[in-house]
Amino acid sequence: MSTPRTSKRTPLRPPSKNKIKRHNESDLKPDSKPRRPDDDAQGRVARRGARVPRDGGIEPERLQKVLARTGLASRRQIEEWVEEGRILVNEEPANLGQKIGPGDRVKLNGRLIQLRFGARAPRVLIYHKPEGEIVSRNDPQGRPSVFERLPPLRRGRWLAIGRLDYNTSGLLLLTDDGDLANRMMHPRYGFEREYAVRLLGELGDEHIRALTEGVVLEDGPARFSSLRAQGGEGVNRWYRVVLPEGRNREVRRMFEAVGFTVSRLMRVRYGPVELPPRLKRGMWMEMPEADACRLAGLPVPKKVGSEKERPPKLRRTKPAS
């Protein structure tokens, strides 16, 4: 009797994977087309070498807000550029209040601008401005400028948050974020300015009452929200004054309106930021990232593990070349 021939493959062994044909969902639909490797997430075919904008769900924002975030200028300055026709969006003149997204091309004076969308931590410098420097990039008299002595930026430029006169010293904040600069300078946000003032002579009660209730200047009424005596020697008297807003030479003009001359003026506080006592004239320090975020009203970044924030270093400005 012959022995029956057995198969080498046992019933328990699974079939070879090579013989299994797997189907994608698209293969089950007769009308669907096979996808190519360079198809984008929405199913559109991208030409080789072409750039397909991917906004990641970013909502369009106002033009002046996006450009201010790049550090070009404040919103007010950008609005003036729009009115002057210096800004183009997709080769068309921009309009005030126009919204743009990541796929738009924006040019200033014919130069393409690299846009920034979404919140980011701004950089803020705390500078102890000495007398004899101007807070401007253009001066017909060629006087020293605070901008000539600051650390360089890879993108954008430093913007002054408010100004100080040529003969005024003290706290000057600078940032690379025009949105933050606009926020701190606009009267509706209520950032106070505090000054130490030296006068030739002593104020009487009637002078203090007039300055705190309001005096009339050529550009409208003005008043100190706070005025405190700080002592002095001889004919010189020191006072601390607080202004709810900042106008050109406002402190000096207010004291002139009641018959007094300011012999020295120094800003010691801007909003929540005070001039650090260890920051001497001509020196600057960068504000810690967490403090800069709080100032801009942004979420404070979380520290990784046991990482601690280092105290800011004091640096002296470089002499102008």
C-alpha atoms as a PDB file:
ATOM      1  CA  MET A   1       0.000   0.000   0.000  1.00  0.00           C
ATOM      2  CA  SER A   2       1.465   3.304  -1.047  1.00  0.00           C
ATOM      3  CA  THR A   3       1.953   6.064   1.484  1.00  0.00           C
ATOM      4  CA  PRO A   4      -0.218   9.138   0.775  1.00  0.00           C
ATOM      5  CA  ARG A   5       1.708  12.255  -0.299  1.00  0.00           C
ATOM      6  CA  THR A   6       1.512  15.072   2.233  1.00  0.00           C
ATOM      7  CA  SER A   7       1.837  18.790   1.541  1.00  0.00           C
ATOM      8  CA  LYS A   8       4.717  20.688   3.017  1.00  0.00           C
ATOM      9  CA  ARG A   9       2.318  23.460   4.037  1.00  0.00           C
ATOM     10  CA  THR A  10       0.400  22.683   7.193  1.00  0.00           C
ATOM     11  CA  PRO A  11      -3.137  23.986   7.652  1.00  0.00           C
ATOM     12  CA  LEU A  12      -1.962  26.044  10.631  1.00  0.00           C
ATOM     13  CA  ARG A  13       0.649  28.020   8.707  1.00  0.00           C
ATOM     14  CA  PRO A  14      -0.678  31.388   7.510  1.00  0.00           C
ATOM     15  CA  PRO A  15      -0.392  32.210   3.828  1.00  0.00           C
ATOM     16  CA  SER A  16       2.589  34.240   2.685  1.00  0.00           C
ATOM     17  CA  LYS A  17       2.313  37.990   3.159  1.00  0.00           C
ATOM     18  CA  ASN A  18       3.530  38.497  -0.367  1.00  0.00           C
ATOM     19  CA  LYS A  19       0.271  37.043  -1.641  1.00  0.00           C
ATOM     20  CA  ILE A  20      -1.891  39.431   0.348  1.00  0.00           C
ATOM     21  CA  LYS A  21      -2.969  42.534  -1.541  1.00  0.00           C
ATOM     22  CA  ARG A  22      -3.762  45.454   0.688  1.00  0.00           C
ATOM     23  CA  HIS A  23      -6.169  48.086  -0.535  1.00  0.00           C
ATOM     24  CA  ASN A  24      -6.193  51.773   0.320  1.00  0.00           C
ATOM     25  CA  GLU A  25      -9.492  53.555   0.733  1.00  0.00           C
ATOM     26  CA  SER A  26      -8.861  55.337  -2.557  1.00  0.00           C
ATOM     27  CA  ASP A  27      -8.443  51.988  -4.357  1.00  0.00           C
ATOM     28  CA  LEU A  28     -11.998  51.035  -3.425  1.00  0.00           C
ATOM     29  CA  LYS A  29     -13.389  54.112  -5.178  1.00  0.00           C
ATOM     30  CA  PRO A  30     -13.353  53.718  -8.959  1.00  0.00           C
ATOM     31  CA  ASP A  31     -13.561  57.496  -9.568  1.00  0.00           C
ATOM     32  CA  SER A  32     -10.626  58.449  -7.333  1.00  0.00           C
ATOM     33  CA  LYS A  33      -7.243  59.227  -8.865  1.00  0.00           C
ATOM     34  CA  PRO A  34      -3.987  57.855  -7.477  1.00  0.00           C
ATOM     35  CA  ARG A  35      -2.161  60.441  -5.380  1.00  0.00           C
ATOM     36  CA  ARG A  36       1.293  61.589  -6.294  1.00  0.00           C
ATOM     37  CA  PRO A  37       4.007  62.148  -3.712  1.00  0.00           C
ATOM     38  CA  ASP A  38       3.928  65.938  -4.189  1.00  0.00           C
ATOM     39  CA  ASP A  39       0.184  66.289  -3.546  1.00  0.00           C
ATOM     40  CA  ASP A  40      -0.547  68.654  -0.635  1.00  0.00           C
ATOM     41  CA  ALA A  41      -2.738  67.914   2.358  1.00  0.00           C
ATOM     42  CA  GLN A  42      -5.871  69.256   0.656  1.00  0.00           C
ATOM     43  CA  GLY A  43      -5.514  66.993  -2.374  1.00  0.00           C
ATOM     44  CA  ARG A  44      -4.265  69.740  -4.699  1.00  0.00           C
ATOM     45  CA  VAL A  45      -1.341  68.839  -6.899  1.00  0.00           C
ATOM     46  CA  ALA A  46       1.652  71.104  -6.394  1.00  0.00           C
ATOM     47  CA  ARG A  47       3.904  71.772  -9.342  1.00  0.00           C
ATOM     48  CA  ARG A  48       7.450  70.680  -8.771  1.00  0.00           C
ATOM     49  CA  GLY A  49       9.344  73.623  -7.338  1.00  0.00           C
ATOM     50  CA  ALA A  50       6.175  75.635  -6.690  1.00  0.00           C
ATOM     51  CA  ARG A  51       5.478  76.970  -3.199  1.00  0.00           C
ATOM     52  CA  VAL A  52       2.104  76.017  -1.755  1.00  0.00           C
ATOM     53  CA  PRO A  53       1.132  78.324   1.150  1.00  0.00           C
ATOM     54  CA  ARG A  54       0.316  76.409   4.301  1.00  0.00           C
ATOM     55  CA  ASP A  55      -1.114  78.785   6.881  1.00  0.00           C
ATOM     56  CA  GLY A  56      -1.736  76.135   9.512  1.00  0.00           C
ATOM     57  CA  GLY A  57      -5.166  77.625  10.180  1.00  0.00           C
ATOM     58  CA  ILE A  58      -3.792  81.125  10.904  1.00  0.00           C
ATOM     59  CA  GLU A  59      -6.494  83.762  10.682  1.00  0.00           C
ATOM     60  CA  PRO A  60      -5.781  86.887   8.590  1.00  0.00           C
ATOM     61  CA  GLU A  61      -4.717  89.925  10.627  1.00  0.00           C
ATOM     62  CA  ARG A  62      -4.701  93.648  10.013  1.00  0.00           C
ATOM     63  CA  LEU A  63      -1.824  94.838   7.860  1.00  0.00           C
ATOM     64  CA  GLN A  64      -0.512  97.443  10.302  1.00  0.00           C
ATOM     65  CA  LYS A  65      -0.558  94.928  13.172  1.00  0.00           C
ATOM     66  CA  VAL A  66       1.457  92.327  11.233  1.00  0.00           C
ATOM     67  CA  LEU A  67       4.007  94.868   9.995  1.00  0.00           C
ATOM     68  CA  ALA A  68       4.376  96.405  13.452  1.00  0.00           C
ATOM     69  CA  ARG A  69       5.184  92.947  14.815  1.00  0.00           C
ATOM     70  CA  THR A  70       8.156  92.716  12.437  1.00  0.00           C
ATOM     71  CA  GLY A  71       9.723  95.770  14.086  1.00  0.00           C
ATOM     72  CA  LEU A  72       9.508  98.043  11.044  1.00  0.00           C
ATOM     73  CA  ALA A  73       7.698 100.824  12.879  1.00  0.00           C
ATOM     74  CA  SER A  74       4.750 101.557  15.121  1.00  0.00           C
ATOM     75  CA  ARG A  75       1.203 101.089  13.851  1.00  0.00           C
ATOM     76  CA  ARG A  76       0.745 104.844  13.530  1.00  0.00           C
ATOM     77  CA  GLN A  77       3.829 105.167  11.328  1.00  0.00           C
ATOM     78  CA  ILE A  78       2.718 102.210   9.183  1.00  0.00           C
ATOM     79  CA  GLU A  79      -0.712 103.786   8.690  1.00  0.00           C
ATOM     80  CA  GLU A  80       1.031 106.912   7.374  1.00  0.00           C
ATOM     81  CA  TRP A  81       3.034 104.753   4.942  1.00  0.00           C
ATOM     82  CA  VAL A  82      -0.209 103.170   3.710  1.00  0.00           C
ATOM     83  CA  GLU A  83      -1.740 106.599   3.081  1.00  0.00           C
ATOM     84  CA  GLU A  84       1.402 107.648   1.210  1.00  0.00           C
ATOM     85  CA  GLY A  85       1.136 104.579  -1.051  1.00  0.00           C
ATOM     86  CA  ARG A  86       4.501 103.160   0.030  1.00  0.00           C
ATOM     87  CA  ILE A  87       3.100  99.704   0.895  1.00  0.00           C
ATOM     88  CA  LEU A  88       1.915  97.153  -1.678  1.00  0.00           C
ATOM     89  CA  VAL A  89      -0.010  93.938  -1.012  1.00  0.00           C
ATOM     90  CA  ASN A  90       0.249  91.446  -3.876  1.00  0.00           C
ATOM     91  CA  GLU A  91       1.474  94.278  -6.118  1.00  0.00           C
ATOM     92  CA  GLU A  92      -1.589  96.432  -5.314  1.00  0.00           C
ATOM     93  CA  PRO A  93      -1.623  99.565  -3.104  1.00  0.00           C
ATOM     94  CA  ALA A  94      -2.567  98.661   0.471  1.00  0.00           C
ATOM     95  CA  ASN A  95      -5.657 100.013   2.231  1.00  0.00           C
ATOM     96  CA  LEU A  96      -6.087 101.033   5.864  1.00  0.00           C
ATOM     97  CA  GLY A  97      -7.605  98.180   7.852  1.00  0.00           C
ATOM     98  CA  GLN A  98      -6.775  95.610   5.163  1.00  0.00           C
ATOM     99  CA  LYS A  99      -6.220  92.061   6.423  1.00  0.00           C
ATOM    100  CA  ILE A 100      -3.429  89.794   5.191  1.00  0.00           C
ATOM    101  CA  GLY A 101      -2.438  86.163   5.651  1.00  0.00           C
ATOM    102  CA  PRO A 102       0.708  84.026   5.243  1.00  0.00           C
ATOM    103  CA  GLY A 103       0.101  83.651   1.501  1.00  0.00           C
ATOM    104  CA  ASP A 104       0.203  87.416   0.817  1.00  0.00           C
ATOM    105  CA  ARG A 105       3.266  89.285  -0.429  1.00  0.00           C
ATOM    106  CA  VAL A 106       3.855  92.687   1.160  1.00  0.00           C
ATOM    107  CA  LYS A 107       6.396  95.239  -0.050  1.00  0.00           C
ATOM    108  CA  LEU A 108       7.588  98.501   1.493  1.00  0.00           C
ATOM    109  CA  ASN A 109       9.181 100.900  -0.980  1.00  0.00           C
ATOM    110  CA  GLY A 110       9.529  97.967  -3.402  1.00  0.00           C
ATOM    111  CA  ARG A 111      11.309  95.702  -0.887  1.00  0.00           C
ATOM    112  CA  LEU A 112       9.675  92.404   0.099  1.00  0.00           C
ATOM    113  CA  ILE A 113       8.933  92.182   3.844  1.00  0.00           C
ATOM    114  CA  GLN A 114       9.340  88.951   5.780  1.00  0.00           C
ATOM    115  CA  LEU A 115       6.085  88.624   7.708  1.00  0.00           C
ATOM    116  CA  ARG A 116       5.489  87.196  11.182  1.00  0.00           C
ATOM    117  CA  PHE A 117       2.197  85.654  12.205  1.00  0.00           C
ATOM    118  CA  GLY A 118       1.170  84.486  15.638  1.00  0.00           C
ATOM    119  CA  ALA A 119       2.288  85.669  19.044  1.00  0.00           C
ATOM    120  CA  ARG A 120       5.985  85.665  19.886  1.00  0.00           C
ATOM    121  CA  ALA A 121       8.019  86.965  22.789  1.00  0.00           C
ATOM    122  CA  PRO A 122       9.236  90.503  22.043  1.00  0.00           C
ATOM    123  CA  ARG A 123      12.705  91.727  22.908  1.00  0.00           C
ATOM    124  CA  VAL A 124      12.894  94.756  25.193  1.00  0.00           C
ATOM    125  CA  LEU A 125      15.961  96.788  26.154  1.00  0.00           C
ATOM    126  CA  ILE A 126      16.140  98.936  29.283  1.00  0.00           C
ATOM    127  CA  TYR A 127      18.506 101.812  28.570  1.00  0.00           C
ATOM    128  CA  HIS A 128      19.726 104.545  30.928  1.00  0.00           C
ATOM    129  CA  LYS A 129      19.902 107.416  28.472  1.00  0.00           C
ATOM    130  CA  PRO A 130      22.405 110.143  29.344  1.00  0.00           C
ATOM    131  CA  GLU A 131      21.946 113.780  28.476  1.00  0.00           C
ATOM    132  CA  GLY A 132      23.348 114.753  25.087  1.00  0.00           C
ATOM    133  CA  GLU A 133      21.764 111.989  22.989  1.00  0.00           C
ATOM    134  CA  ILE A 134      18.725 112.231  20.736  1.00  0.00           C
ATOM    135  CA  VAL A 135      16.052 109.565  20.326  1.00  0.00           C
ATOM    136  CA  SER A 136      15.949 109.765  16.546  1.00  0.00           C
ATOM    137  CA  ARG A 137      17.752 108.246  13.576  1.00  0.00           C
ATOM    138  CA  ASN A 138      17.815 111.470  11.572  1.00  0.00           C
ATOM    139  CA  ASP A 139      19.241 114.686  12.937  1.00  0.00           C
ATOM    140  CA  PRO A 140      20.325 117.586  10.682  1.00  0.00           C
ATOM    141  CA  GLN A 141      22.726 118.745  13.427  1.00  0.00           C
ATOM    142  CA  GLY A 142      24.511 115.389  13.517  1.00  0.00           C
ATOM    143  CA  ARG A 143      24.143 114.901  17.280  1.00  0.00           C
ATOM    144  CA  PRO A 144      24.768 111.482  18.867  1.00  0.00           C
ATOM    145  CA  SER A 145      21.792 109.111  18.630  1.00  0.00           C
ATOM    146  CA  VAL A 146      20.808 106.338  21.027  1.00  0.00           C
ATOM    147  CA  PHE A 147      20.301 104.041  18.019  1.00  0.00           C
ATOM    148  CA  GLU A 148      23.973 104.249  17.043  1.00  0.00           C
ATOM    149  CA  ARG A 149      25.023 102.492  20.260  1.00  0.00           C
ATOM    150  CA  LEU A 150      22.530  99.630  20.563  1.00  0.00           C
ATOM    151  CA  PRO A 151      23.167  95.934  19.794  1.00  0.00           C
ATOM    152  CA  PRO A 152      22.313  94.991  16.177  1.00  0.00           C
ATOM    153  CA  LEU A 153      19.182  93.030  15.281  1.00  0.00           C
ATOM    154  CA  ARG A 154      19.064  90.255  12.682  1.00  0.00           C
ATOM    155  CA  ARG A 155      15.543  91.284  11.672  1.00  0.00           C
ATOM    156  CA  GLY A 156      13.677  94.552  12.030  1.00  0.00           C
ATOM    157  CA  ARG A 157      15.050  97.430  14.079  1.00  0.00           C
ATOM    158  CA  TRP A 158      14.875  98.881  17.557  1.00  0.00           C
ATOM    159  CA  LEU A 159      11.870 101.099  18.229  1.00  0.00           C
ATOM    160  CA  ALA A 160      11.807 103.618  21.060  1.00  0.00           C
ATOM    161  CA  ILE A 161       8.822 103.399  23.395  1.00  0.00           C
ATOM    162  CA  GLY A 162       8.254 107.103  23.851  1.00  0.00           C
ATOM    163  CA  ARG A 163      10.989 109.690  23.596  1.00  0.00           C
ATOM    164  CA  LEU A 164      13.284 111.698  25.816  1.00  0.00           C
ATOM    165  CA  ASP A 165      14.557 115.161  24.943  1.00  0.00           C
ATOM    166  CA  TYR A 166      18.196 115.847  24.155  1.00  0.00           C
ATOM    167  CA  ASN A 167      18.708 117.333  27.635  1.00  0.00           C
ATOM    168  CA  THR A 168      16.616 114.707  29.464  1.00  0.00           C
ATOM    169  CA  SER A 169      18.124 111.553  30.937  1.00  0.00           C
ATOM    170  CA  GLY A 170      16.767 108.374  32.484  1.00  0.00           C
ATOM    171  CA  LEU A 171      14.721 105.336  31.535  1.00  0.00           C
ATOM    172  CA  LEU A 172      14.264 104.617  27.838  1.00  0.00           C
ATOM    173  CA  LEU A 173      12.609 101.379  26.696  1.00  0.00           C
ATOM    174  CA  LEU A 174      13.298  99.985  23.229  1.00  0.00           C
ATOM    175  CA  THR A 175      11.732  96.974  21.523  1.00  0.00           C
ATOM    176  CA  ASP A 176      11.783  95.051  18.251  1.00  0.00           C
ATOM    177  CA  ASP A 177       7.971  94.749  18.342  1.00  0.00           C
ATOM    178  CA  GLY A 178       6.016  97.709  16.989  1.00  0.00           C
ATOM    179  CA  ASP A 179       2.788  96.288  18.403  1.00  0.00           C
ATOM    180  CA  LEU A 180       4.215  96.477  21.931  1.00  0.00           C
ATOM    181  CA  ALA A 181       5.553  99.995  21.289  1.00  0.00           C
ATOM    182  CA  ASN A 182       2.097 101.097  20.146  1.00  0.00           C
ATOM    183  CA  ARG A 183       0.470  99.470  23.177  1.00  0.00           C
ATOM    184  CA  MET A 184       2.721 101.284  25.652  1.00  0.00           C
ATOM    185  CA  MET A 185       2.509 104.694  23.962  1.00  0.00           C
ATOM    186  CA  HIS A 186      -1.248 104.807  23.299  1.00  0.00           C
ATOM    187  CA  PRO A 187      -3.120 106.838  25.960  1.00  0.00           C
ATOM    188  CA  ARG A 188      -5.972 104.326  26.253  1.00  0.00           C
ATOM    189  CA  TYR A 189      -3.702 101.738  27.894  1.00  0.00           C
ATOM    190  CA  GLY A 190      -2.823 104.159  30.705  1.00  0.00           C
ATOM    191  CA  PHE A 191       0.947 103.601  31.036  1.00  0.00           C
ATOM    192  CA  GLU A 192       2.160 106.341  33.411  1.00  0.00           C
ATOM    193  CA  ARG A 193       5.483 108.176  33.166  1.00  0.00           C
ATOM    194  CA  GLU A 194       7.260 109.223  36.344  1.00  0.00           C
ATOM    195  CA  TYR A 195      10.027 111.855  36.450  1.00  0.00           C
ATOM    196  CA  ALA A 196      12.474 113.297  38.941  1.00  0.00           C
ATOM    197  CA  VAL A 197      12.530 117.073  38.409  1.00  0.00           C
ATOM    198  CA  ARG A 198      14.955 119.689  39.729  1.00  0.00           C
ATOM    199  CA  LEU A 199      13.627 123.244  39.787  1.00  0.00           C
ATOM    200  CA  LEU A 200      15.162 126.628  40.411  1.00  0.00           C
ATOM    201  CA  GLY A 201      12.968 127.662  43.299  1.00  0.00           C
ATOM    202  CA  GLU A 202      10.329 126.099  45.533  1.00  0.00           C
ATOM    203  CA  LEU A 203       6.718 125.475  44.555  1.00  0.00           C
ATOM    204  CA  GLY A 204       3.977 127.076  46.608  1.00  0.00           C
ATOM    205  CA  ASP A 205       0.622 125.503  47.414  1.00  0.00           C
ATOM    206  CA  GLU A 206      -1.051 127.482  44.632  1.00  0.00           C
ATOM    207  CA  HIS A 207       1.494 126.163  42.105  1.00  0.00           C
ATOM    208  CA  ILE A 208       0.994 122.549  43.195  1.00  0.00           C
ATOM    209  CA  ARG A 209      -2.787 122.976  43.001  1.00  0.00           C
ATOM    210  CA  ALA A 210      -2.588 124.424  39.494  1.00  0.00           C
ATOM    211  CA  LEU A 211      -0.275 121.665  38.222  1.00  0.00           C
ATOM    212  CA  THR A 212      -2.394 118.841  39.645  1.00  0.00           C
ATOM    213  CA  GLU A 213      -5.755 120.332  38.637  1.00  0.00           C
ATOM    214  CA  GLY A 214      -4.553 121.305  35.162  1.00  0.00           C
ATOM    215  CA  VAL A 215      -2.804 124.036  33.221  1.00  0.00           C
ATOM    216  CA  VAL A 216      -3.506 125.085  29.646  1.00  0.00           C
ATOM    217  CA  LEU A 217      -0.715 124.541  27.093  1.00  0.00           C
ATOM    218  CA  GLU A 218      -0.676 125.410  23.403  1.00  0.00           C
ATOM    219  CA  ASP A 219      -1.652 121.825  22.520  1.00  0.00           C
ATOM    220  CA  GLY A 220      -4.375 121.457  25.147  1.00  0.00           C
ATOM    221  CA  PRO A 221      -4.806 121.086  28.928  1.00  0.00           C
ATOM    222  CA  ALA A 222      -2.317 119.037  30.955  1.00  0.00           C
ATOM    223  CA  ARG A 223      -1.953 117.988  34.575  1.00  0.00           C
ATOM    224  CA  PHE A 224       0.160 115.843  36.867  1.00  0.00           C
ATOM    225  CA  SER A 225      -1.685 112.919  38.443  1.00  0.00           C
ATOM    226  CA  SER A 226       0.854 113.087  41.289  1.00  0.00           C
ATOM    227  CA  LEU A 227       3.363 115.695  42.522  1.00  0.00           C
ATOM    228  CA  ARG A 228       5.576 115.152  45.603  1.00  0.00           C
ATOM    229  CA  ALA A 229       8.377 117.232  47.092  1.00  0.00           C
ATOM    230  CA  GLN A 230      11.739 115.419  47.439  1.00  0.00           C
ATOM    231  CA  GLY A 231      13.849 118.052  49.227  1.00  0.00           C
ATOM    232  CA  GLY A 232      16.898 119.896  47.910  1.00  0.00           C
ATOM    233  CA  GLU A 233      19.639 122.362  48.749  1.00  0.00           C
ATOM    234  CA  GLY A 234      19.859 126.094  48.226  1.00  0.00           C
ATOM    235  CA  VAL A 235      17.721 127.327  45.358  1.00  0.00           C
ATOM    236  CA  ASN A 236      17.455 123.818  43.857  1.00  0.00           C
ATOM    237  CA  ARG A 237      14.399 121.761  44.778  1.00  0.00           C
ATOM    238  CA  TRP A 238      13.598 118.195  43.710  1.00  0.00           C
ATOM    239  CA  TYR A 239      10.103 116.883  42.948  1.00  0.00           C
ATOM    240  CA  ARG A 240       8.591 113.608  41.717  1.00  0.00           C
ATOM    241  CA  VAL A 241       5.807 113.988  39.161  1.00  0.00           C
ATOM    242  CA  VAL A 242       3.624 111.432  37.359  1.00  0.00           C
ATOM    243  CA  LEU A 243       2.024 111.977  33.943  1.00  0.00           C
ATOM    244  CA  PRO A 244      -0.784 109.810  32.557  1.00  0.00           C
ATOM    245  CA  GLU A 245       0.512 110.346  29.007  1.00  0.00           C
ATOM    246  CA  GLY A 246       3.514 111.787  27.197  1.00  0.00           C
ATOM    247  CA  ARG A 247       3.674 114.814  24.914  1.00  0.00           C
ATOM    248  CA  ASN A 248       6.621 116.717  23.524  1.00  0.00           C
ATOM    249  CA  ARG A 249       8.473 118.534  26.352  1.00  0.00           C
ATOM    250  CA  GLU A 250       5.297 118.334  28.444  1.00  0.00           C
ATOM    251  CA  VAL A 251       6.945 118.370  31.892  1.00  0.00           C
ATOM    252  CA  ARG A 252       9.135 121.372  31.103  1.00  0.00           C
ATOM    253  CA  ARG A 253       6.253 123.309  29.534  1.00  0.00           C
ATOM    254  CA  MET A 254       3.954 122.660  32.492  1.00  0.00           C
ATOM    255  CA  PHE A 255       6.436 124.118  34.978  1.00  0.00           C
ATOM    256  CA  GLU A 256       7.102 127.049  32.649  1.00  0.00           C
ATOM    257  CA  ALA A 257       3.343 127.696  32.640  1.00  0.00           C
ATOM    258  CA  VAL A 258       3.473 128.435  36.409  1.00  0.00           C
ATOM    259  CA  GLY A 259       6.721 130.439  36.197  1.00  0.00           C
ATOM    260  CA  PHE A 260       9.432 127.857  37.016  1.00  0.00           C
ATOM    261  CA  THR A 261      12.450 126.602  35.063  1.00  0.00           C
ATOM    262  CA  VAL A 262      13.472 122.930  35.017  1.00  0.00           C
ATOM    263  CA  SER A 263      17.227 122.652  35.502  1.00  0.00           C
ATOM    264  CA  ARG A 264      17.329 118.847  35.360  1.00  0.00           C
ATOM    265  CA  LEU A 265      14.859 116.184  34.254  1.00  0.00           C
ATOM    266  CA  MET A 266      15.134 112.415  34.583  1.00  0.00           C
ATOM    267  CA  ARG A 267      12.570 109.693  33.802  1.00  0.00           C
ATOM    268  CA  VAL A 268      12.580 107.026  36.509  1.00  0.00           C
ATOM    269  CA  ARG A 269       9.565 104.898  35.556  1.00  0.00           C
ATOM    270  CA  TYR A 270       7.505 103.972  32.505  1.00  0.00           C
ATOM    271  CA  GLY A 271       4.375 101.989  33.345  1.00  0.00           C
ATOM    272  CA  PRO A 272       5.416  99.035  35.526  1.00  0.00           C
ATOM    273  CA  VAL A 273       9.100  99.321  34.549  1.00  0.00           C
ATOM    274  CA  GLU A 274      11.382 101.251  36.911  1.00  0.00           C
ATOM    275  CA  LEU A 275      14.927 102.389  36.186  1.00  0.00           C
ATOM    276  CA  PRO A 276      17.179  99.853  37.959  1.00  0.00           C
ATOM    277  CA  PRO A 277      19.479 101.575  40.488  1.00  0.00           C
ATOM    278  CA  ARG A 278      22.502  99.565  39.300  1.00  0.00           C
ATOM    279  CA  LEU A 279      21.978 100.606  35.679  1.00  0.00           C
ATOM    280  CA  LYS A 280      24.290 103.593  35.295  1.00  0.00           C
ATOM    281  CA  ARG A 281      24.165 106.215  32.550  1.00  0.00           C
ATOM    282  CA  GLY A 282      25.015 104.921  29.112  1.00  0.00           C
ATOM    283  CA  MET A 283      24.318 101.291  30.093  1.00  0.00           C
ATOM    284  CA  TRP A 284      21.587  98.918  28.911  1.00  0.00           C
ATOM    285  CA  MET A 285      20.216  95.531  29.865  1.00  0.00           C
ATOM    286  CA  GLU A 286      17.791  93.193  28.134  1.00  0.00           C
ATOM    287  CA  MET A 287      14.538  92.556  29.921  1.00  0.00           C
ATOM    288  CA  PRO A 288      13.987  88.878  30.829  1.00  0.00           C
ATOM    289  CA  GLU A 289      11.710  87.073  28.389  1.00  0.00           C
ATOM    290  CA  ALA A 290       9.035  86.405  31.008  1.00  0.00           C
ATOM    291  CA  ASP A 291       8.842  90.110  31.938  1.00  0.00           C
ATOM    292  CA  ALA A 292       8.693  91.121  28.265  1.00  0.00           C
ATOM    293  CA  CYS A 293       5.773  88.725  27.712  1.00  0.00           C
ATOM    294  CA  ARG A 294       3.917  90.145  30.714  1.00  0.00           C
ATOM    295  CA  LEU A 295       4.491  93.660  29.414  1.00  0.00           C
ATOM    296  CA  ALA A 296       3.030  92.680  26.024  1.00  0.00           C
ATOM    297  CA  GLY A 297       0.116  90.798  27.584  1.00  0.00           C
ATOM    298  CA  LEU A 298       1.330  87.435  26.247  1.00  0.00           C
ATOM    299  CA  PRO A 299       1.472  84.056  28.001  1.00  0.00           C
ATOM    300  CA  VAL A 300       4.726  83.544  29.879  1.00  0.00           C
ATOM    301  CA  PRO A 301       6.735  80.615  28.422  1.00  0.00           C
ATOM    302  CA  LYS A 302       7.121  77.667  30.772  1.00  0.00           C
ATOM    303  CA  LYS A 303      10.560  76.673  31.989  1.00  0.00           C
ATOM    304  CA  VAL A 304      11.870  73.236  31.062  1.00  0.00           C
ATOM    305  CA  GLY A 305      12.674  71.050  34.090  1.00  0.00           C
ATOM    306  CA  SER A 306      14.694  72.878  36.716  1.00  0.00           C
ATOM    307  CA  GLU A 307      15.800  75.620  34.326  1.00  0.00           C
ATOM    308  CA  LYS A 308      16.179  78.965  36.077  1.00  0.00           C
ATOM    309  CA  GLU A 309      16.113  82.386  34.509  1.00  0.00           C
ATOM    310  CA  ARG A 310      19.478  84.088  34.670  1.00  0.00           C
ATOM    311  CA  PRO A 311      19.672  87.665  35.925  1.00  0.00           C
ATOM    312  CA  PRO A 312      20.081  90.152  33.066  1.00  0.00           C
ATOM    313  CA  LYS A 313      23.583  91.390  32.336  1.00  0.00           C
ATOM    314  CA  LEU A 314      24.448  95.075  32.394  1.00  0.00           C
ATOM    315  CA  ARG A 315      26.170  96.285  29.238  1.00  0.00           C
ATOM    316  CA  ARG A 316      27.633  99.595  28.205  1.00  0.00           C
ATOM    317  CA  THR A 317      26.707 101.011  24.826  1.00  0.00           C
ATOM    318  CA  LYS A 318      29.352 100.874  22.126  1.00  0.00           C
ATOM    319  CA  PRO A 319      30.848 104.199  21.016  1.00  0.00           C
ATOM    320  CA  ALA A 320      29.437 105.414  17.735  1.00  0.00           C
ATOM    321  CA  SER A 321      31.756 104.759  14.828  1.00  0.00           C
END
